[in-house]
């Protein structure tokens, strides 16, 4: 089993405050990274929708997945 998790590069301190929010477990490293990317995109889309519900028309500067560190570990 492989575990992948994404941490925003600029907000890496949030790891200490919020813990791991974007975490995926899979049988291969590649699948784990693809899964954590999907979770990231889903979360970003939900944040945009929430902003629209509250009347914001500009989604602002959206965080990109490439702006995250993707860390891996092999779970035994």
PDB file of N, CA and C in Angstrom:
ATOM      1  N   UNK A   1       0.829  -1.180   0.000  1.00  0.00           N
ATOM      2  CA  UNK A   1       0.000   0.000   0.000  1.00  0.00           C
ATOM      3  C   UNK A   1       0.877   1.247   0.000  1.00  0.00           C
ATOM      4  N   UNK A   2       0.464   2.208  -0.779  1.00  0.00           N
ATOM      5  CA  UNK A   2       1.157   3.483  -0.819  1.00  0.00           C
ATOM      6  C   UNK A   2       0.220   4.584  -0.353  1.00  0.00           C
ATOM      7  N   UNK A   3       0.773   5.537   0.351  1.00  0.00           N
ATOM      8  CA  UNK A   3       0.021   6.687   0.831  1.00  0.00           C
ATOM      9  C   UNK A   3       0.613   7.925   0.177  1.00  0.00           C
ATOM     10  N   UNK A   4      -0.251   8.797  -0.355  1.00  0.00           N
ATOM     11  CA  UNK A   4       0.192  10.073  -0.908  1.00  0.00           C
ATOM     12  C   UNK A   4      -0.610  11.165  -0.233  1.00  0.00           C
ATOM     13  N   UNK A   5       0.048  12.270   0.094  1.00  0.00           N
ATOM     14  CA  UNK A   5      -0.690  13.399   0.632  1.00  0.00           C
ATOM     15  C   UNK A   5      -0.105  14.686   0.085  1.00  0.00           C
ATOM     16  N   UNK A   6      -0.984  15.672  -0.068  1.00  0.00           N
ATOM     17  CA  UNK A   6      -0.591  16.950  -0.664  1.00  0.00           C
ATOM     18  C   UNK A   6      -0.613  18.035   0.403  1.00  0.00           C
ATOM     19  N   UNK A   7       0.421  18.856   0.381  1.00  0.00           N
ATOM     20  CA  UNK A   7       0.542  19.980   1.308  1.00  0.00           C
ATOM     21  C   UNK A   7       0.880  21.215   0.486  1.00  0.00           C
ATOM     22  N   UNK A   8       0.081  22.288   0.586  1.00  0.00           N
ATOM     23  CA  UNK A   8       0.401  23.509  -0.152  1.00  0.00           C
ATOM     24  C   UNK A   8       1.784  24.039   0.235  1.00  0.00           C
ATOM     25  N   UNK A   9       2.593  24.376  -0.759  1.00  0.00           N
ATOM     26  CA  UNK A   9       3.954  24.843  -0.497  1.00  0.00           C
ATOM     27  C   UNK A   9       3.973  26.114   0.345  1.00  0.00           C
ATOM     28  N   UNK A  10       3.099  27.074   0.028  1.00  0.00           N
ATOM     29  CA  UNK A  10       3.104  28.339   0.759  1.00  0.00           C
ATOM     30  C   UNK A  10       2.476  28.221   2.138  1.00  0.00           C
ATOM     31  N   UNK A  11       1.581  27.265   2.318  1.00  0.00           N
ATOM     32  CA  UNK A  11       0.883  27.118   3.592  1.00  0.00           C
ATOM     33  C   UNK A  11       1.245  25.819   4.287  1.00  0.00           C
ATOM     34  N   UNK A  12       2.495  25.400   4.154  1.00  0.00           N
ATOM     35  CA  UNK A  12       2.890  24.117   4.730  1.00  0.00           C
ATOM     36  C   UNK A  12       2.731  24.097   6.256  1.00  0.00           C
ATOM     37  N   UNK A  13       2.712  25.285   6.882  1.00  0.00           N
ATOM     38  CA  UNK A  13       2.516  25.347   8.333  1.00  0.00           C
ATOM     39  C   UNK A  13       1.130  24.827   8.736  1.00  0.00           C
ATOM     40  N   UNK A  14       0.171  24.814   7.790  1.00  0.00           N
ATOM     41  CA  UNK A  14      -1.166  24.314   8.093  1.00  0.00           C
ATOM     42  C   UNK A  14      -1.168  22.831   8.429  1.00  0.00           C
ATOM     43  N   UNK A  15      -0.128  22.130   8.034  1.00  0.00           N
ATOM     44  CA  UNK A  15      -0.010  20.719   8.381  1.00  0.00           C
ATOM     45  C   UNK A  15      -0.048  20.552   9.898  1.00  0.00           C
ATOM     46  N   UNK A  16       0.613  21.450  10.595  1.00  0.00           N
ATOM     47  CA  UNK A  16       0.643  21.376  12.055  1.00  0.00           C
ATOM     48  C   UNK A  16      -0.723  21.754  12.630  1.00  0.00           C
ATOM     49  N   UNK A  17      -1.369  22.781  12.055  1.00  0.00           N
ATOM     50  CA  UNK A  17      -2.647  23.263  12.577  1.00  0.00           C
ATOM     51  C   UNK A  17      -3.814  22.361  12.208  1.00  0.00           C
ATOM     52  N   UNK A  18      -3.875  21.935  10.951  1.00  0.00           N
ATOM     53  CA  UNK A  18      -5.051  21.232  10.441  1.00  0.00           C
ATOM     54  C   UNK A  18      -4.846  19.745  10.233  1.00  0.00           C
ATOM     55  N   UNK A  19      -3.621  19.290  10.226  1.00  0.00           N
ATOM     56  CA  UNK A  19      -3.358  17.887   9.944  1.00  0.00           C
ATOM     57  C   UNK A  19      -3.414  17.613   8.450  1.00  0.00           C
ATOM     58  N   UNK A  20      -3.424  16.357   8.100  1.00  0.00           N
ATOM     59  CA  UNK A  20      -3.440  15.969   6.696  1.00  0.00           C
ATOM     60  C   UNK A  20      -4.875  15.918   6.187  1.00  0.00           C
ATOM     61  N   UNK A  21      -5.210  16.837   5.303  1.00  0.00           N
ATOM     62  CA  UNK A  21      -6.548  16.865   4.751  1.00  0.00           C
ATOM     63  C   UNK A  21      -6.654  16.123   3.443  1.00  0.00           C
ATOM     64  N   UNK A  22      -5.600  16.147   2.666  1.00  0.00           N
ATOM     65  CA  UNK A  22      -5.615  15.519   1.349  1.00  0.00           C
ATOM     66  C   UNK A  22      -4.725  14.282   1.391  1.00  0.00           C
ATOM     67  N   UNK A  23      -5.356  13.160   1.596  1.00  0.00           N
ATOM     68  CA  UNK A  23      -4.640  11.911   1.797  1.00  0.00           C
ATOM     69  C   UNK A  23      -5.300  10.820   0.970  1.00  0.00           C
ATOM     70  N   UNK A  24      -4.498  10.037   0.266  1.00  0.00           N
ATOM     71  CA  UNK A  24      -5.029   8.932  -0.537  1.00  0.00           C
ATOM     72  C   UNK A  24      -4.160   7.694  -0.332  1.00  0.00           C
ATOM     73  N   UNK A  25      -4.824   6.546  -0.294  1.00  0.00           N
ATOM     74  CA  UNK A  25      -4.140   5.265  -0.136  1.00  0.00           C
ATOM     75  C   UNK A  25      -4.470   4.418  -1.363  1.00  0.00           C
ATOM     76  N   UNK A  26      -3.457   3.767  -1.925  1.00  0.00           N
ATOM     77  CA  UNK A  26      -3.663   2.939  -3.115  1.00  0.00           C
ATOM     78  C   UNK A  26      -2.612   1.839  -3.167  1.00  0.00           C
ATOM     79  N   UNK A  27      -2.752   0.976  -4.147  1.00  0.00           N
ATOM     80  CA  UNK A  27      -1.824  -0.148  -4.273  1.00  0.00           C
ATOM     81  C   UNK A  27      -0.502   0.253  -4.921  1.00  0.00           C
ATOM     82  N   UNK A  28      -0.490   1.361  -5.689  1.00  0.00           N
ATOM     83  CA  UNK A  28       0.757   1.840  -6.285  1.00  0.00           C
ATOM     84  C   UNK A  28       0.939   3.324  -5.994  1.00  0.00           C
ATOM     85  N   UNK A  29       2.150   3.764  -6.101  1.00  0.00           N
ATOM     86  CA  UNK A  29       2.472   5.172  -5.871  1.00  0.00           C
ATOM     87  C   UNK A  29       1.739   6.068  -6.868  1.00  0.00           C
ATOM     88  N   UNK A  30       1.695   5.657  -8.113  1.00  0.00           N
ATOM     89  CA  UNK A  30       1.068   6.454  -9.166  1.00  0.00           C
ATOM     90  C   UNK A  30      -0.432   6.619  -8.925  1.00  0.00           C
ATOM     91  N   UNK A  31      -1.087   5.536  -8.535  1.00  0.00           N
ATOM     92  CA  UNK A  31      -2.525   5.600  -8.277  1.00  0.00           C
ATOM     93  C   UNK A  31      -2.801   6.478  -7.049  1.00  0.00           C
ATOM     94  N   UNK A  32      -1.963   6.355  -6.035  1.00  0.00           N
ATOM     95  CA  UNK A  32      -2.131   7.184  -4.834  1.00  0.00           C
ATOM     96  C   UNK A  32      -2.000   8.656  -5.181  1.00  0.00           C
ATOM     97  N   UNK A  33      -1.004   9.012  -6.010  1.00  0.00           N
ATOM     98  CA  UNK A  33      -0.830  10.412  -6.391  1.00  0.00           C
ATOM     99  C   UNK A  33      -2.001  10.895  -7.246  1.00  0.00           C
ATOM    100  N   UNK A  34      -2.480  10.071  -8.162  1.00  0.00           N
ATOM    101  CA  UNK A  34      -3.627  10.456  -8.989  1.00  0.00           C
ATOM    102  C   UNK A  34      -4.868  10.655  -8.116  1.00  0.00           C
ATOM    103  N   UNK A  35      -5.036   9.826  -7.124  1.00  0.00           N
ATOM    104  CA  UNK A  35      -6.187   9.943  -6.230  1.00  0.00           C
ATOM    105  C   UNK A  35      -6.126  11.206  -5.387  1.00  0.00           C
ATOM    106  N   UNK A  36      -4.938  11.537  -4.894  1.00  0.00           N
ATOM    107  CA  UNK A  36      -4.817  12.751  -4.087  1.00  0.00           C
ATOM    108  C   UNK A  36      -5.007  13.994  -4.970  1.00  0.00           C
ATOM    109  N   UNK A  37      -4.618  13.907  -6.232  1.00  0.00           N
ATOM    110  CA  UNK A  37      -4.859  15.011  -7.182  1.00  0.00           C
ATOM    111  C   UNK A  37      -6.367  15.200  -7.394  1.00  0.00           C
ATOM    112  N   UNK A  38      -7.090  14.092  -7.533  1.00  0.00           N
ATOM    113  CA  UNK A  38      -8.553  14.168  -7.690  1.00  0.00           C
ATOM    114  C   UNK A  38      -9.205  14.792  -6.463  1.00  0.00           C
ATOM    115  N   UNK A  39      -8.751  14.396  -5.277  1.00  0.00           N
ATOM    116  CA  UNK A  39      -9.284  14.983  -4.049  1.00  0.00           C
ATOM    117  C   UNK A  39      -9.026  16.484  -3.997  1.00  0.00           C
ATOM    118  N   UNK A  40      -7.833  16.876  -4.407  1.00  0.00           N
ATOM    119  CA  UNK A  40      -7.462  18.288  -4.430  1.00  0.00           C
ATOM    120  C   UNK A  40      -8.399  19.075  -5.353  1.00  0.00           C
ATOM    121  N   UNK A  41      -8.587  18.570  -6.566  1.00  0.00           N
ATOM    122  CA  UNK A  41      -9.448  19.259  -7.536  1.00  0.00           C
ATOM    123  C   UNK A  41     -10.884  19.338  -7.024  1.00  0.00           C
ATOM    124  N   UNK A  42     -11.368  18.266  -6.425  1.00  0.00           N
ATOM    125  CA  UNK A  42     -12.718  18.254  -5.880  1.00  0.00           C
ATOM    126  C   UNK A  42     -12.860  19.316  -4.794  1.00  0.00           C
ATOM    127  N   UNK A  43     -11.884  19.402  -3.906  1.00  0.00           N
ATOM    128  CA  UNK A  43     -11.921  20.387  -2.829  1.00  0.00           C
ATOM    129  C   UNK A  43     -11.895  21.807  -3.380  1.00  0.00           C
ATOM    130  N   UNK A  44     -11.058  22.044  -4.382  1.00  0.00           N
ATOM    131  CA  UNK A  44     -10.987  23.378  -4.980  1.00  0.00           C
ATOM    132  C   UNK A  44     -12.319  23.759  -5.637  1.00  0.00           C
ATOM    133  N   UNK A  45     -12.933  22.804  -6.338  1.00  0.00           N
ATOM    134  CA  UNK A  45     -14.227  23.065  -6.975  1.00  0.00           C
ATOM    135  C   UNK A  45     -15.310  23.353  -5.941  1.00  0.00           C
ATOM    136  N   UNK A  46     -15.288  22.629  -4.829  1.00  0.00           N
ATOM    137  CA  UNK A  46     -16.261  22.870  -3.770  1.00  0.00           C
ATOM    138  C   UNK A  46     -16.088  24.263  -3.167  1.00  0.00           C
ATOM    139  N   UNK A  47     -14.849  24.699  -3.018  1.00  0.00           N
ATOM    140  CA  UNK A  47     -14.591  26.034  -2.475  1.00  0.00           C
ATOM    141  C   UNK A  47     -15.104  27.119  -3.418  1.00  0.00           C
ATOM    142  N   UNK A  48     -14.948  26.925  -4.725  1.00  0.00           N
ATOM    143  CA  UNK A  48     -15.454  27.878  -5.710  1.00  0.00           C
ATOM    144  C   UNK A  48     -16.979  27.927  -5.647  1.00  0.00           C
ATOM    145  N   UNK A  49     -17.616  26.767  -5.555  1.00  0.00           N
ATOM    146  CA  UNK A  49     -19.079  26.720  -5.467  1.00  0.00           C
ATOM    147  C   UNK A  49     -19.585  27.400  -4.205  1.00  0.00           C
ATOM    148  N   UNK A  50     -18.911  27.180  -3.113  1.00  0.00           N
ATOM    149  CA  UNK A  50     -19.295  27.808  -1.852  1.00  0.00           C
ATOM    150  C   UNK A  50     -19.186  29.327  -1.959  1.00  0.00           C
ATOM    151  N   UNK A  51     -18.124  29.802  -2.577  1.00  0.00           N
ATOM    152  CA  UNK A  51     -17.956  31.245  -2.766  1.00  0.00           C
ATOM    153  C   UNK A  51     -19.085  31.806  -3.630  1.00  0.00           C
ATOM    154  N   UNK A  52     -19.465  31.100  -4.678  1.00  0.00           N
ATOM    155  CA  UNK A  52     -20.568  31.547  -5.544  1.00  0.00           C
ATOM    156  C   UNK A  52     -21.885  31.601  -4.777  1.00  0.00           C
ATOM    157  N   UNK A  53     -22.116  30.607  -3.913  1.00  0.00           N
ATOM    158  CA  UNK A  53     -23.346  30.591  -3.114  1.00  0.00           C
ATOM    159  C   UNK A  53     -23.441  31.819  -2.212  1.00  0.00           C
ATOM    160  N   UNK A  54     -22.281  32.298  -1.782  1.00  0.00           N
ATOM    161  CA  UNK A  54     -22.249  33.453  -0.892  1.00  0.00           C
ATOM    162  C   UNK A  54     -22.132  34.774  -1.655  1.00  0.00           C
ATOM    163  N   UNK A  55     -22.297  34.710  -2.966  1.00  0.00           N
ATOM    164  CA  UNK A  55     -22.359  35.919  -3.762  1.00  0.00           C
ATOM    165  C   UNK A  55     -21.057  36.417  -4.355  1.00  0.00           C
ATOM    166  N   UNK A  56     -19.988  35.702  -4.178  1.00  0.00           N
ATOM    167  CA  UNK A  56     -18.721  36.109  -4.782  1.00  0.00           C
ATOM    168  C   UNK A  56     -18.695  35.643  -6.236  1.00  0.00           C
ATOM    169  N   UNK A  57     -18.395  36.565  -7.134  1.00  0.00           N
ATOM    170  CA  UNK A  57     -18.375  36.196  -8.548  1.00  0.00           C
ATOM    171  C   UNK A  57     -16.962  35.908  -9.031  1.00  0.00           C
ATOM    172  N   UNK A  58     -15.972  36.430  -8.339  1.00  0.00           N
ATOM    173  CA  UNK A  58     -14.581  36.202  -8.713  1.00  0.00           C
ATOM    174  C   UNK A  58     -14.017  35.115  -7.807  1.00  0.00           C
ATOM    175  N   UNK A  59     -13.580  34.005  -8.399  1.00  0.00           N
ATOM    176  CA  UNK A  59     -13.053  32.923  -7.569  1.00  0.00           C
ATOM    177  C   UNK A  59     -11.654  33.229  -7.045  1.00  0.00           C
ATOM    178  N   UNK A  60     -11.097  34.349  -7.441  1.00  0.00           N
ATOM    179  CA  UNK A  60      -9.792  34.744  -6.922  1.00  0.00           C
ATOM    180  C   UNK A  60      -8.675  33.893  -7.476  1.00  0.00           C
ATOM    181  N   UNK A  61      -7.609  33.861  -6.753  1.00  0.00           N
ATOM    182  CA  UNK A  61      -6.452  33.094  -7.181  1.00  0.00           C
ATOM    183  C   UNK A  61      -6.590  31.668  -6.686  1.00  0.00           C
ATOM    184  N   UNK A  62      -6.915  30.791  -7.585  1.00  0.00           N
ATOM    185  CA  UNK A  62      -7.149  29.389  -7.244  1.00  0.00           C
ATOM    186  C   UNK A  62      -5.812  28.668  -7.064  1.00  0.00           C
ATOM    187  N   UNK A  63      -5.714  27.909  -5.996  1.00  0.00           N
ATOM    188  CA  UNK A  63      -4.516  27.127  -5.734  1.00  0.00           C
ATOM    189  C   UNK A  63      -4.388  26.029  -6.789  1.00  0.00           C
ATOM    190  N   UNK A  64      -3.202  25.858  -7.302  1.00  0.00           N
ATOM    191  CA  UNK A  64      -2.932  24.833  -8.315  1.00  0.00           C
ATOM    192  C   UNK A  64      -2.253  23.636  -7.648  1.00  0.00           C
ATOM    193  N   UNK A  65      -2.517  22.452  -8.171  1.00  0.00           N
ATOM    194  CA  UNK A  65      -1.927  21.247  -7.596  1.00  0.00           C
ATOM    195  C   UNK A  65      -0.399  21.292  -7.657  1.00  0.00           C
ATOM    196  N   UNK A  66       0.136  21.930  -8.687  1.00  0.00           N
ATOM    197  CA  UNK A  66       1.594  22.041  -8.804  1.00  0.00           C
ATOM    198  C   UNK A  66       2.197  22.919  -7.710  1.00  0.00           C
ATOM    199  N   UNK A  67       1.339  23.653  -6.988  1.00  0.00           N
ATOM    200  CA  UNK A  67       1.797  24.478  -5.877  1.00  0.00           C
ATOM    201  C   UNK A  67       1.809  23.705  -4.562  1.00  0.00           C
ATOM    202  N   UNK A  68       1.681  22.389  -4.662  1.00  0.00           N
ATOM    203  CA  UNK A  68       1.682  21.530  -3.476  1.00  0.00           C
ATOM    204  C   UNK A  68       2.879  20.581  -3.511  1.00  0.00           C
ATOM    205  N   UNK A  69       3.334  20.247  -2.330  1.00  0.00           N
ATOM    206  CA  UNK A  69       4.275  19.142  -2.212  1.00  0.00           C
ATOM    207  C   UNK A  69       3.434  17.874  -2.183  1.00  0.00           C
ATOM    208  N   UNK A  70       3.856  16.861  -2.899  1.00  0.00           N
ATOM    209  CA  UNK A  70       3.193  15.564  -2.800  1.00  0.00           C
ATOM    210  C   UNK A  70       4.188  14.620  -2.148  1.00  0.00           C
ATOM    211  N   UNK A  71       3.831  14.188  -0.967  1.00  0.00           N
ATOM    212  CA  UNK A  71       4.704  13.318  -0.198  1.00  0.00           C
ATOM    213  C   UNK A  71       4.148  11.906  -0.231  1.00  0.00           C
ATOM    214  N   UNK A  72       5.042  10.934  -0.188  1.00  0.00           N
ATOM    215  CA  UNK A  72       4.638   9.531  -0.282  1.00  0.00           C
ATOM    216  C   UNK A  72       5.266   8.732   0.862  1.00  0.00           C
ATOM    217  N   UNK A  73       4.587   7.691   1.224  1.00  0.00           N
ATOM    218  CA  UNK A  73       5.216   6.702   2.097  1.00  0.00           C
ATOM    219  C   UNK A  73       4.622   5.339   1.745  1.00  0.00           C
ATOM    220  N   UNK A  74       5.383   4.343   1.971  1.00  0.00           N
ATOM    221  CA  UNK A  74       4.937   2.977   1.698  1.00  0.00           C
ATOM    222  C   UNK A  74       4.476   2.391   3.028  1.00  0.00           C
ATOM    223  N   UNK A  75       3.189   2.108   3.086  1.00  0.00           N
ATOM    224  CA  UNK A  75       2.604   1.563   4.310  1.00  0.00           C
ATOM    225  C   UNK A  75       2.813   0.056   4.329  1.00  0.00           C
ATOM    226  N   UNK A  76       3.261  -0.454   5.442  1.00  0.00           N
ATOM    227  CA  UNK A  76       3.475  -1.893   5.560  1.00  0.00           C
ATOM    228  C   UNK A  76       2.386  -2.562   6.345  1.00  0.00           C
TER     229      UNK A  76
END
